[in-house]
Amino acid sequence: MEQTMNFQWYVDYYDKLLHEPNPPAPYDQPKYIEFTRLNLAHMNRWMRSGILLPETQALTEKITAPQHWTVITEAWCADAANTIPFIRKIAALREQIKVTYELRDSAPFRINNYLTGTSKSIPKLIIQDKAGQDIFVWGPRPAECQALYNQLQQEKAPFETMKVEMQKWYNHDAGRSFQQELIAGLVPLLV
């Protein structure tokens, strides 16, 4: 079933997964429900406490033409839970920014056009102009966080260690790296 959703739909989707007696795969596995529960807590925390950089706020003022931002995500994705609140906060500053959310593992399977190497890594943020042309693509995580992920993989760290270390990185970074990478990608297009 094709799913395109706004932010409220996405939040409601979390709630539905957590309260569904027979959730769809992979959420029928307890670990995925636990990931979803934890990610919702992270997302809610960043919605309450996440701060936009002054440079991010200045950037949004330069967006005068309509943009469509598509976020490809899944509720089990911790990287998404730590990034989407900042996307939401940025978009709320400018009516020219329309954001929709798509599930990676459901139609229209847009992720197949935005692979990271050969991987369907998420989240992916695809920013298009009013003509529907891609002007910037970001994801799945800030470069510094990606370097940490690569290092932990190279060290063959257990999944639990990776999960904890990555979340520590996100907690310390507090959305700054994502915002700086977004600014670096969009500023040249807006001058």
N, C-alpha and C. Protein backbone atom coordinates (compact mmCIF):
# COMPACT_ATOMS: atom_id res chain seq x y z
N MET A 1 0.85 -1.19 0.00
CA MET A 1 0.00 0.00 0.00
C MET A 1 0.89 1.24 0.00
N GLU A 2 0.61 2.18 -0.88
CA GLU A 2 1.42 3.39 -0.98
C GLU A 2 1.11 4.32 0.20
N GLN A 3 2.18 4.79 0.84
CA GLN A 3 2.03 5.65 2.00
C GLN A 3 2.80 6.95 1.79
N THR A 4 2.10 8.06 1.71
CA THR A 4 2.71 9.38 1.74
C THR A 4 2.03 10.10 2.88
N MET A 5 2.82 10.66 3.76
CA MET A 5 2.20 11.21 4.96
C MET A 5 2.81 12.54 5.37
N ASN A 6 2.01 13.31 6.09
CA ASN A 6 2.53 14.52 6.70
C ASN A 6 3.07 14.14 8.09
N PHE A 7 3.55 15.11 8.81
CA PHE A 7 4.20 14.81 10.09
C PHE A 7 3.22 14.17 11.08
N GLN A 8 2.00 14.69 11.16
CA GLN A 8 1.04 14.12 12.10
C GLN A 8 0.71 12.67 11.75
N TRP A 9 0.60 12.40 10.47
CA TRP A 9 0.34 11.03 10.03
C TRP A 9 1.49 10.12 10.47
N TYR A 10 2.70 10.64 10.34
CA TYR A 10 3.88 9.87 10.73
C TYR A 10 3.88 9.58 12.24
N VAL A 11 3.56 10.57 13.04
CA VAL A 11 3.48 10.38 14.50
C VAL A 11 2.36 9.39 14.83
N ASP A 12 1.24 9.51 14.17
CA ASP A 12 0.13 8.57 14.40
C ASP A 12 0.51 7.15 13.99
N TYR A 13 1.34 7.05 12.96
CA TYR A 13 1.82 5.75 12.50
C TYR A 13 2.62 5.06 13.62
N TYR A 14 3.48 5.81 14.30
CA TYR A 14 4.21 5.29 15.46
C TYR A 14 3.22 4.74 16.48
N ASP A 15 2.25 5.55 16.82
CA ASP A 15 1.26 5.16 17.84
C ASP A 15 0.53 3.89 17.43
N LYS A 16 0.14 3.83 16.16
CA LYS A 16 -0.57 2.65 15.66
C LYS A 16 0.29 1.40 15.79
N LEU A 17 1.56 1.51 15.39
CA LEU A 17 2.46 0.35 15.50
C LEU A 17 2.60 -0.12 16.94
N LEU A 18 2.70 0.84 17.85
CA LEU A 18 2.92 0.48 19.26
C LEU A 18 1.69 -0.10 19.93
N HIS A 19 0.52 0.14 19.37
CA HIS A 19 -0.72 -0.33 20.00
C HIS A 19 -1.47 -1.39 19.19
N GLU A 20 -0.95 -1.71 18.02
CA GLU A 20 -1.57 -2.71 17.15
C GLU A 20 -1.35 -4.10 17.74
N PRO A 21 -2.40 -4.88 17.94
CA PRO A 21 -2.20 -6.23 18.48
C PRO A 21 -1.42 -7.15 17.54
N ASN A 22 -1.59 -6.95 16.24
CA ASN A 22 -0.88 -7.76 15.24
C ASN A 22 -0.22 -6.84 14.22
N PRO A 23 0.88 -6.17 14.61
CA PRO A 23 1.50 -5.22 13.69
C PRO A 23 2.13 -5.93 12.49
N PRO A 24 2.30 -5.19 11.39
CA PRO A 24 2.91 -5.78 10.19
C PRO A 24 4.41 -6.04 10.42
N ALA A 25 4.97 -6.92 9.61
CA ALA A 25 6.42 -7.16 9.66
C ALA A 25 7.14 -5.87 9.28
N PRO A 26 8.26 -5.59 9.86
CA PRO A 26 9.00 -6.35 10.86
C PRO A 26 8.57 -6.06 12.29
N TYR A 27 7.53 -5.24 12.45
CA TYR A 27 7.09 -4.81 13.79
C TYR A 27 6.41 -5.93 14.57
N ASP A 28 6.24 -7.09 13.94
CA ASP A 28 5.71 -8.24 14.65
C ASP A 28 6.81 -8.90 15.49
N GLN A 29 8.02 -8.39 15.37
CA GLN A 29 9.14 -8.86 16.19
C GLN A 29 9.33 -7.89 17.36
N PRO A 30 9.42 -8.39 18.59
CA PRO A 30 9.54 -7.51 19.76
C PRO A 30 10.66 -6.48 19.68
N LYS A 31 11.80 -6.83 19.08
CA LYS A 31 12.90 -5.87 19.03
C LYS A 31 12.53 -4.64 18.19
N TYR A 32 11.72 -4.83 17.15
CA TYR A 32 11.32 -3.69 16.32
C TYR A 32 10.32 -2.80 17.05
N ILE A 33 9.48 -3.39 17.85
CA ILE A 33 8.57 -2.58 18.67
C ILE A 33 9.37 -1.79 19.70
N GLU A 34 10.40 -2.42 20.27
CA GLU A 34 11.25 -1.70 21.23
C GLU A 34 12.00 -0.57 20.55
N PHE A 35 12.53 -0.80 19.34
CA PHE A 35 13.19 0.27 18.58
C PHE A 35 12.21 1.42 18.37
N THR A 36 10.99 1.08 17.98
CA THR A 36 9.98 2.09 17.70
C THR A 36 9.64 2.89 18.94
N ARG A 37 9.47 2.22 20.06
CA ARG A 37 9.15 2.89 21.33
C ARG A 37 10.29 3.86 21.72
N LEU A 38 11.52 3.38 21.62
CA LEU A 38 12.68 4.20 21.96
C LEU A 38 12.81 5.38 21.00
N ASN A 39 12.61 5.13 19.72
CA ASN A 39 12.73 6.21 18.73
C ASN A 39 11.66 7.27 18.91
N LEU A 40 10.46 6.87 19.29
CA LEU A 40 9.41 7.85 19.55
C LEU A 40 9.81 8.73 20.72
N ALA A 41 10.41 8.14 21.75
CA ALA A 41 10.88 8.93 22.90
C ALA A 41 11.96 9.92 22.47
N HIS A 42 12.90 9.48 21.63
CA HIS A 42 13.95 10.39 21.14
C HIS A 42 13.34 11.50 20.30
N MET A 43 12.43 11.14 19.43
CA MET A 43 11.81 12.14 18.56
C MET A 43 11.05 13.18 19.39
N ASN A 44 10.29 12.72 20.36
CA ASN A 44 9.53 13.65 21.21
C ASN A 44 10.46 14.55 22.02
N ARG A 45 11.58 14.00 22.48
CA ARG A 45 12.54 14.81 23.24
C ARG A 45 13.10 15.91 22.36
N TRP A 46 13.50 15.58 21.11
CA TRP A 46 14.05 16.60 20.23
C TRP A 46 12.98 17.61 19.80
N MET A 47 11.74 17.17 19.70
CA MET A 47 10.68 18.13 19.38
C MET A 47 10.52 19.15 20.50
N ARG A 48 10.70 18.70 21.74
CA ARG A 48 10.60 19.61 22.89
C ARG A 48 11.87 20.45 23.07
N SER A 49 13.03 19.82 22.93
CA SER A 49 14.26 20.50 23.36
C SER A 49 15.22 20.85 22.23
N GLY A 50 14.98 20.36 21.02
CA GLY A 50 15.89 20.65 19.91
C GLY A 50 15.89 22.13 19.56
N ILE A 51 17.07 22.66 19.32
CA ILE A 51 17.21 24.10 19.04
C ILE A 51 17.77 24.29 17.63
N LEU A 52 17.13 25.17 16.89
CA LEU A 52 17.64 25.50 15.56
C LEU A 52 18.74 26.55 15.69
N LEU A 53 19.80 26.35 14.94
CA LEU A 53 20.90 27.31 14.93
C LEU A 53 20.44 28.63 14.30
N PRO A 54 21.02 29.74 14.72
CA PRO A 54 20.67 31.01 14.07
C PRO A 54 20.89 30.97 12.56
N GLU A 55 21.95 30.27 12.12
CA GLU A 55 22.23 30.15 10.69
C GLU A 55 21.12 29.39 9.97
N THR A 56 20.54 28.41 10.66
CA THR A 56 19.44 27.65 10.06
C THR A 56 18.23 28.56 9.89
N GLN A 57 17.94 29.34 10.90
CA GLN A 57 16.81 30.26 10.82
C GLN A 57 17.04 31.28 9.72
N ALA A 58 18.27 31.78 9.57
CA ALA A 58 18.59 32.74 8.51
C ALA A 58 18.43 32.08 7.14
N LEU A 59 18.83 30.82 7.03
CA LEU A 59 18.69 30.10 5.76
C LEU A 59 17.23 30.03 5.34
N THR A 60 16.35 29.71 6.26
CA THR A 60 14.94 29.56 5.89
C THR A 60 14.36 30.86 5.34
N GLU A 61 14.86 31.99 5.82
CA GLU A 61 14.38 33.28 5.31
C GLU A 61 14.72 33.48 3.83
N LYS A 62 15.76 32.77 3.36
CA LYS A 62 16.17 32.90 1.96
C LYS A 62 15.37 31.99 1.04
N ILE A 63 14.56 31.10 1.61
CA ILE A 63 13.74 30.21 0.78
C ILE A 63 12.47 30.96 0.42
N THR A 64 12.43 31.46 -0.81
CA THR A 64 11.28 32.26 -1.24
C THR A 64 10.43 31.53 -2.28
N ALA A 65 11.00 30.52 -2.92
CA ALA A 65 10.25 29.72 -3.90
C ALA A 65 9.82 28.42 -3.23
N PRO A 66 8.70 27.85 -3.67
CA PRO A 66 8.23 26.59 -3.07
C PRO A 66 9.27 25.47 -3.21
N GLN A 67 9.39 24.69 -2.15
CA GLN A 67 10.23 23.50 -2.13
C GLN A 67 9.41 22.35 -1.58
N HIS A 68 9.63 21.17 -2.12
CA HIS A 68 9.00 19.97 -1.57
C HIS A 68 10.10 19.11 -0.99
N TRP A 69 9.99 18.83 0.31
CA TRP A 69 10.95 17.99 1.01
C TRP A 69 10.29 16.63 1.25
N THR A 70 10.92 15.58 0.77
CA THR A 70 10.43 14.22 1.01
C THR A 70 11.42 13.55 1.96
N VAL A 71 10.89 12.98 3.03
CA VAL A 71 11.71 12.23 3.98
C VAL A 71 11.34 10.75 3.83
N ILE A 72 12.34 9.95 3.50
CA ILE A 72 12.14 8.50 3.44
C ILE A 72 12.64 7.94 4.77
N THR A 73 11.77 7.18 5.44
CA THR A 73 12.06 6.78 6.81
C THR A 73 11.35 5.48 7.17
N GLU A 74 11.56 5.03 8.36
CA GLU A 74 10.81 3.94 9.01
C GLU A 74 10.85 4.21 10.51
N ALA A 75 9.85 3.75 11.20
CA ALA A 75 9.76 3.99 12.65
C ALA A 75 10.87 3.31 13.42
N TRP A 76 11.45 2.24 12.90
CA TRP A 76 12.52 1.54 13.61
C TRP A 76 13.86 2.25 13.50
N CYS A 77 13.97 3.28 12.67
CA CYS A 77 15.25 3.92 12.36
C CYS A 77 15.63 4.98 13.39
N ALA A 78 16.68 4.71 14.15
CA ALA A 78 17.15 5.65 15.17
C ALA A 78 17.71 6.92 14.55
N ASP A 79 18.40 6.80 13.41
CA ASP A 79 18.94 8.01 12.77
C ASP A 79 17.80 8.96 12.39
N ALA A 80 16.69 8.41 11.92
CA ALA A 80 15.54 9.24 11.56
C ALA A 80 14.96 9.93 12.80
N ALA A 81 14.86 9.19 13.89
CA ALA A 81 14.27 9.77 15.12
C ALA A 81 15.08 10.95 15.63
N ASN A 82 16.37 10.96 15.33
CA ASN A 82 17.24 12.04 15.79
C ASN A 82 17.39 13.17 14.77
N THR A 83 16.80 13.01 13.59
CA THR A 83 16.91 14.03 12.54
C THR A 83 15.56 14.65 12.20
N ILE A 84 14.52 13.85 12.11
CA ILE A 84 13.21 14.33 11.67
C ILE A 84 12.69 15.51 12.51
N PRO A 85 12.88 15.55 13.83
CA PRO A 85 12.38 16.72 14.56
C PRO A 85 12.99 18.03 14.06
N PHE A 86 14.24 17.99 13.63
CA PHE A 86 14.87 19.22 13.14
C PHE A 86 14.32 19.58 11.76
N ILE A 87 14.04 18.59 10.94
CA ILE A 87 13.39 18.85 9.65
C ILE A 87 12.03 19.50 9.90
N ARG A 88 11.30 18.95 10.85
CA ARG A 88 9.97 19.48 11.20
C ARG A 88 10.06 20.93 11.67
N LYS A 89 11.01 21.21 12.54
CA LYS A 89 11.17 22.57 13.07
C LYS A 89 11.56 23.56 11.97
N ILE A 90 12.44 23.14 11.08
CA ILE A 90 12.85 24.02 9.98
C ILE A 90 11.67 24.31 9.07
N ALA A 91 10.96 23.28 8.68
CA ALA A 91 9.83 23.46 7.76
C ALA A 91 8.74 24.34 8.37
N ALA A 92 8.58 24.28 9.67
CA ALA A 92 7.55 25.08 10.34
C ALA A 92 7.84 26.57 10.25
N LEU A 93 9.08 26.92 9.94
CA LEU A 93 9.44 28.34 9.84
C LEU A 93 9.05 28.97 8.50
N ARG A 94 8.77 28.14 7.50
CA ARG A 94 8.58 28.67 6.16
C ARG A 94 7.45 27.97 5.44
N GLU A 95 6.43 28.70 5.05
CA GLU A 95 5.30 28.09 4.35
C GLU A 95 5.68 27.60 2.96
N GLN A 96 6.81 28.06 2.43
CA GLN A 96 7.25 27.60 1.11
C GLN A 96 7.77 26.16 1.15
N ILE A 97 8.03 25.63 2.36
CA ILE A 97 8.54 24.27 2.49
C ILE A 97 7.38 23.34 2.82
N LYS A 98 7.13 22.40 1.92
CA LYS A 98 6.13 21.36 2.16
C LYS A 98 6.88 20.05 2.37
N VAL A 99 6.58 19.36 3.47
CA VAL A 99 7.28 18.12 3.79
C VAL A 99 6.29 16.96 3.79
N THR A 100 6.68 15.89 3.11
CA THR A 100 5.93 14.64 3.19
C THR A 100 6.90 13.54 3.59
N TYR A 101 6.34 12.50 4.16
CA TYR A 101 7.11 11.37 4.67
C TYR A 101 6.67 10.12 3.93
N GLU A 102 7.64 9.29 3.57
CA GLU A 102 7.35 8.02 2.91
C GLU A 102 8.08 6.92 3.67
N LEU A 103 7.47 5.76 3.72
CA LEU A 103 8.10 4.61 4.34
C LEU A 103 9.04 3.95 3.35
N ARG A 104 10.22 3.61 3.82
CA ARG A 104 11.21 2.99 2.94
C ARG A 104 10.70 1.69 2.34
N ASP A 105 10.01 0.91 3.17
CA ASP A 105 9.64 -0.45 2.78
C ASP A 105 8.22 -0.58 2.24
N SER A 106 7.65 0.53 1.79
CA SER A 106 6.31 0.53 1.18
C SER A 106 6.36 1.33 -0.12
N ALA A 107 5.39 1.08 -0.98
CA ALA A 107 5.30 1.84 -2.23
C ALA A 107 5.22 3.33 -1.89
N PRO A 108 5.86 4.19 -2.63
CA PRO A 108 6.38 4.01 -3.99
C PRO A 108 7.83 3.50 -4.07
N PHE A 109 8.43 3.08 -2.97
CA PHE A 109 9.80 2.54 -2.94
C PHE A 109 10.80 3.51 -3.58
N ARG A 110 10.61 4.80 -3.30
CA ARG A 110 11.50 5.84 -3.84
C ARG A 110 12.95 5.63 -3.41
N ILE A 111 13.16 4.95 -2.28
CA ILE A 111 14.52 4.72 -1.79
C ILE A 111 15.39 4.05 -2.86
N ASN A 112 14.78 3.27 -3.74
CA ASN A 112 15.55 2.59 -4.78
C ASN A 112 16.27 3.57 -5.71
N ASN A 113 15.79 4.80 -5.75
CA ASN A 113 16.43 5.85 -6.55
C ASN A 113 17.43 6.68 -5.76
N TYR A 114 17.55 6.41 -4.46
CA TYR A 114 18.40 7.22 -3.59
C TYR A 114 19.24 6.33 -2.66
N LEU A 115 19.85 5.33 -3.24
CA LEU A 115 20.66 4.40 -2.45
C LEU A 115 21.92 5.10 -1.94
N THR A 116 22.43 4.60 -0.84
CA THR A 116 23.73 5.01 -0.32
C THR A 116 24.67 3.87 -0.69
N GLY A 117 25.40 4.05 -1.76
CA GLY A 117 26.16 2.92 -2.31
C GLY A 117 25.16 1.91 -2.85
N THR A 118 25.13 0.74 -2.21
CA THR A 118 24.15 -0.28 -2.59
C THR A 118 23.10 -0.47 -1.49
N SER A 119 23.15 0.38 -0.47
CA SER A 119 22.28 0.22 0.70
C SER A 119 21.06 1.14 0.66
N LYS A 120 19.98 0.68 1.22
CA LYS A 120 18.75 1.46 1.34
C LYS A 120 18.74 2.23 2.67
N SER A 121 19.87 2.84 3.00
CA SER A 121 20.03 3.52 4.28
C SER A 121 19.09 4.72 4.39
N ILE A 122 18.52 4.87 5.57
CA ILE A 122 17.60 5.97 5.86
C ILE A 122 17.99 6.62 7.17
N PRO A 123 17.52 7.84 7.37
CA PRO A 123 16.59 8.60 6.56
C PRO A 123 17.28 9.22 5.35
N LYS A 124 16.47 9.54 4.38
CA LYS A 124 16.91 10.32 3.22
C LYS A 124 16.00 11.53 3.15
N LEU A 125 16.60 12.68 2.97
CA LEU A 125 15.87 13.92 2.75
C LEU A 125 16.13 14.33 1.31
N ILE A 126 15.06 14.42 0.54
CA ILE A 126 15.14 14.81 -0.87
C ILE A 126 14.43 16.15 -1.00
N ILE A 127 15.17 17.16 -1.41
CA ILE A 127 14.59 18.49 -1.57
C ILE A 127 14.46 18.77 -3.07
N GLN A 128 13.23 19.08 -3.46
CA GLN A 128 12.95 19.37 -4.87
C GLN A 128 12.41 20.78 -5.02
N ASP A 129 12.69 21.37 -6.18
CA ASP A 129 12.14 22.69 -6.48
C ASP A 129 10.70 22.56 -6.95
N LYS A 130 10.09 23.69 -7.30
CA LYS A 130 8.68 23.65 -7.68
C LYS A 130 8.44 22.87 -8.97
N ALA A 131 9.49 22.65 -9.77
CA ALA A 131 9.36 21.86 -11.00
C ALA A 131 9.55 20.37 -10.73
N GLY A 132 9.81 20.01 -9.47
CA GLY A 132 10.00 18.61 -9.12
C GLY A 132 11.40 18.08 -9.38
N GLN A 133 12.35 18.99 -9.58
CA GLN A 133 13.74 18.59 -9.80
C GLN A 133 14.48 18.55 -8.46
N ASP A 134 15.28 17.51 -8.27
CA ASP A 134 16.08 17.42 -7.06
C ASP A 134 17.08 18.57 -7.02
N ILE A 135 17.12 19.27 -5.88
CA ILE A 135 18.13 20.32 -5.72
C ILE A 135 19.11 19.97 -4.61
N PHE A 136 18.72 19.04 -3.73
CA PHE A 136 19.62 18.62 -2.65
C PHE A 136 19.10 17.31 -2.08
N VAL A 137 20.03 16.39 -1.84
CA VAL A 137 19.69 15.11 -1.22
C VAL A 137 20.65 14.91 -0.05
N TRP A 138 20.10 14.55 1.09
CA TRP A 138 20.90 14.34 2.30
C TRP A 138 20.53 13.01 2.93
N GLY A 139 21.50 12.39 3.58
CA GLY A 139 21.23 11.21 4.39
C GLY A 139 22.23 10.11 4.12
N PRO A 140 22.27 9.15 4.99
CA PRO A 140 21.33 8.85 6.06
C PRO A 140 21.68 9.46 7.42
N ARG A 141 22.91 9.97 7.58
CA ARG A 141 23.29 10.54 8.87
C ARG A 141 24.39 11.57 8.63
N PRO A 142 24.60 12.47 9.60
CA PRO A 142 25.68 13.45 9.44
C PRO A 142 27.03 12.76 9.24
N ALA A 143 27.94 13.41 8.51
CA ALA A 143 29.23 12.82 8.14
C ALA A 143 30.01 12.33 9.36
N GLU A 144 30.05 13.11 10.42
CA GLU A 144 30.79 12.71 11.62
C GLU A 144 30.17 11.46 12.25
N CYS A 145 28.87 11.40 12.27
CA CYS A 145 28.17 10.23 12.80
C CYS A 145 28.41 9.03 11.89
N GLN A 146 28.44 9.26 10.59
CA GLN A 146 28.73 8.18 9.64
C GLN A 146 30.12 7.63 9.87
N ALA A 147 31.08 8.51 10.15
CA ALA A 147 32.45 8.06 10.42
C ALA A 147 32.48 7.18 11.67
N LEU A 148 31.73 7.57 12.70
CA LEU A 148 31.65 6.75 13.91
C LEU A 148 31.03 5.40 13.59
N TYR A 149 29.95 5.41 12.82
CA TYR A 149 29.29 4.16 12.41
C TYR A 149 30.27 3.25 11.67
N ASN A 150 31.01 3.82 10.71
CA ASN A 150 31.97 3.04 9.94
C ASN A 150 33.05 2.45 10.84
N GLN A 151 33.52 3.26 11.80
CA GLN A 151 34.56 2.80 12.73
C GLN A 151 34.04 1.63 13.57
N LEU A 152 32.84 1.78 14.11
CA LEU A 152 32.26 0.72 14.93
C LEU A 152 32.04 -0.56 14.12
N GLN A 153 31.64 -0.40 12.87
CA GLN A 153 31.47 -1.58 12.02
C GLN A 153 32.82 -2.25 11.76
N GLN A 154 33.83 -1.44 11.49
CA GLN A 154 35.16 -1.98 11.23
C GLN A 154 35.68 -2.73 12.46
N GLU A 155 35.36 -2.22 13.65
CA GLU A 155 35.79 -2.87 14.89
C GLU A 155 34.91 -4.08 15.22
N LYS A 156 33.89 -4.32 14.41
CA LYS A 156 32.93 -5.40 14.64
C LYS A 156 32.28 -5.29 16.03
N ALA A 157 31.93 -4.05 16.37
CA ALA A 157 31.27 -3.79 17.65
C ALA A 157 29.92 -4.48 17.68
N PRO A 158 29.53 -5.01 18.83
CA PRO A 158 28.19 -5.61 18.94
C PRO A 158 27.12 -4.56 18.65
N PHE A 159 25.97 -5.01 18.16
CA PHE A 159 24.88 -4.10 17.81
C PHE A 159 24.52 -3.19 18.98
N GLU A 160 24.43 -3.74 20.18
CA GLU A 160 24.05 -2.93 21.35
C GLU A 160 25.06 -1.81 21.60
N THR A 161 26.34 -2.10 21.42
CA THR A 161 27.38 -1.07 21.58
C THR A 161 27.21 0.00 20.51
N MET A 162 26.97 -0.42 19.27
CA MET A 162 26.77 0.54 18.19
C MET A 162 25.59 1.45 18.48
N LYS A 163 24.51 0.84 18.92
CA LYS A 163 23.29 1.60 19.21
C LYS A 163 23.55 2.66 20.30
N VAL A 164 24.21 2.26 21.35
CA VAL A 164 24.49 3.18 22.47
C VAL A 164 25.45 4.28 22.04
N GLU A 165 26.52 3.93 21.35
CA GLU A 165 27.52 4.92 20.94
C GLU A 165 26.94 5.92 19.94
N MET A 166 26.12 5.43 19.04
CA MET A 166 25.50 6.33 18.06
C MET A 166 24.55 7.30 18.77
N GLN A 167 23.76 6.79 19.72
CA GLN A 167 22.83 7.67 20.42
C GLN A 167 23.58 8.70 21.27
N LYS A 168 24.71 8.30 21.86
CA LYS A 168 25.54 9.27 22.61
C LYS A 168 25.98 10.38 21.67
N TRP A 169 26.38 9.99 20.45
CA TRP A 169 26.82 11.00 19.49
C TRP A 169 25.67 11.97 19.19
N TYR A 170 24.49 11.43 18.90
CA TYR A 170 23.33 12.30 18.62
C TYR A 170 23.01 13.20 19.80
N ASN A 171 23.06 12.66 21.01
CA ASN A 171 22.76 13.46 22.20
C ASN A 171 23.74 14.62 22.34
N HIS A 172 25.02 14.35 22.11
CA HIS A 172 26.03 15.41 22.23
C HIS A 172 25.91 16.44 21.10
N ASP A 173 25.64 15.96 19.89
CA ASP A 173 25.57 16.85 18.73
C ASP A 173 24.32 17.73 18.73
N ALA A 174 23.22 17.20 19.24
CA ALA A 174 21.96 17.95 19.38
C ALA A 174 21.47 18.59 18.08
N GLY A 175 21.64 17.88 16.96
CA GLY A 175 21.09 18.36 15.70
C GLY A 175 21.95 19.37 14.96
N ARG A 176 23.08 19.78 15.54
CA ARG A 176 23.90 20.81 14.90
C ARG A 176 24.49 20.35 13.56
N SER A 177 25.04 19.13 13.53
CA SER A 177 25.70 18.67 12.30
C SER A 177 24.72 18.56 11.15
N PHE A 178 23.53 18.02 11.40
CA PHE A 178 22.53 17.94 10.34
C PHE A 178 22.23 19.33 9.80
N GLN A 179 22.01 20.27 10.70
CA GLN A 179 21.68 21.63 10.26
C GLN A 179 22.82 22.25 9.46
N GLN A 180 24.05 22.04 9.91
CA GLN A 180 25.20 22.61 9.19
C GLN A 180 25.34 21.99 7.80
N GLU A 181 25.08 20.68 7.68
CA GLU A 181 25.16 20.04 6.37
C GLU A 181 24.02 20.50 5.46
N LEU A 182 22.85 20.72 6.02
CA LEU A 182 21.74 21.25 5.24
C LEU A 182 22.05 22.66 4.73
N ILE A 183 22.58 23.47 5.61
CA ILE A 183 22.97 24.84 5.23
C ILE A 183 24.01 24.80 4.12
N ALA A 184 25.05 23.99 4.29
CA ALA A 184 26.11 23.90 3.29
C ALA A 184 25.57 23.46 1.94
N GLY A 185 24.56 22.59 1.95
CA GLY A 185 23.98 22.12 0.70
C GLY A 185 23.04 23.10 0.04
N LEU A 186 22.30 23.87 0.85
CA LEU A 186 21.28 24.75 0.28
C LEU A 186 21.76 26.17 0.01
N VAL A 187 22.67 26.69 0.80
CA VAL A 187 23.08 28.09 0.63
C VAL A 187 23.53 28.40 -0.78
N PRO A 188 24.38 27.56 -1.41
CA PRO A 188 24.80 27.89 -2.78
C PRO A 188 23.63 27.97 -3.77
N LEU A 189 22.55 27.29 -3.46
CA LEU A 189 21.39 27.28 -4.36
C LEU A 189 20.48 28.48 -4.16
N LEU A 190 20.66 29.17 -3.03
CA LEU A 190 19.73 30.26 -2.69
C LEU A 190 20.34 31.64 -2.86
N VAL A 191 21.60 31.72 -3.27
CA VAL A 191 22.23 33.05 -3.43
C VAL A 191 22.00 33.59 -4.83
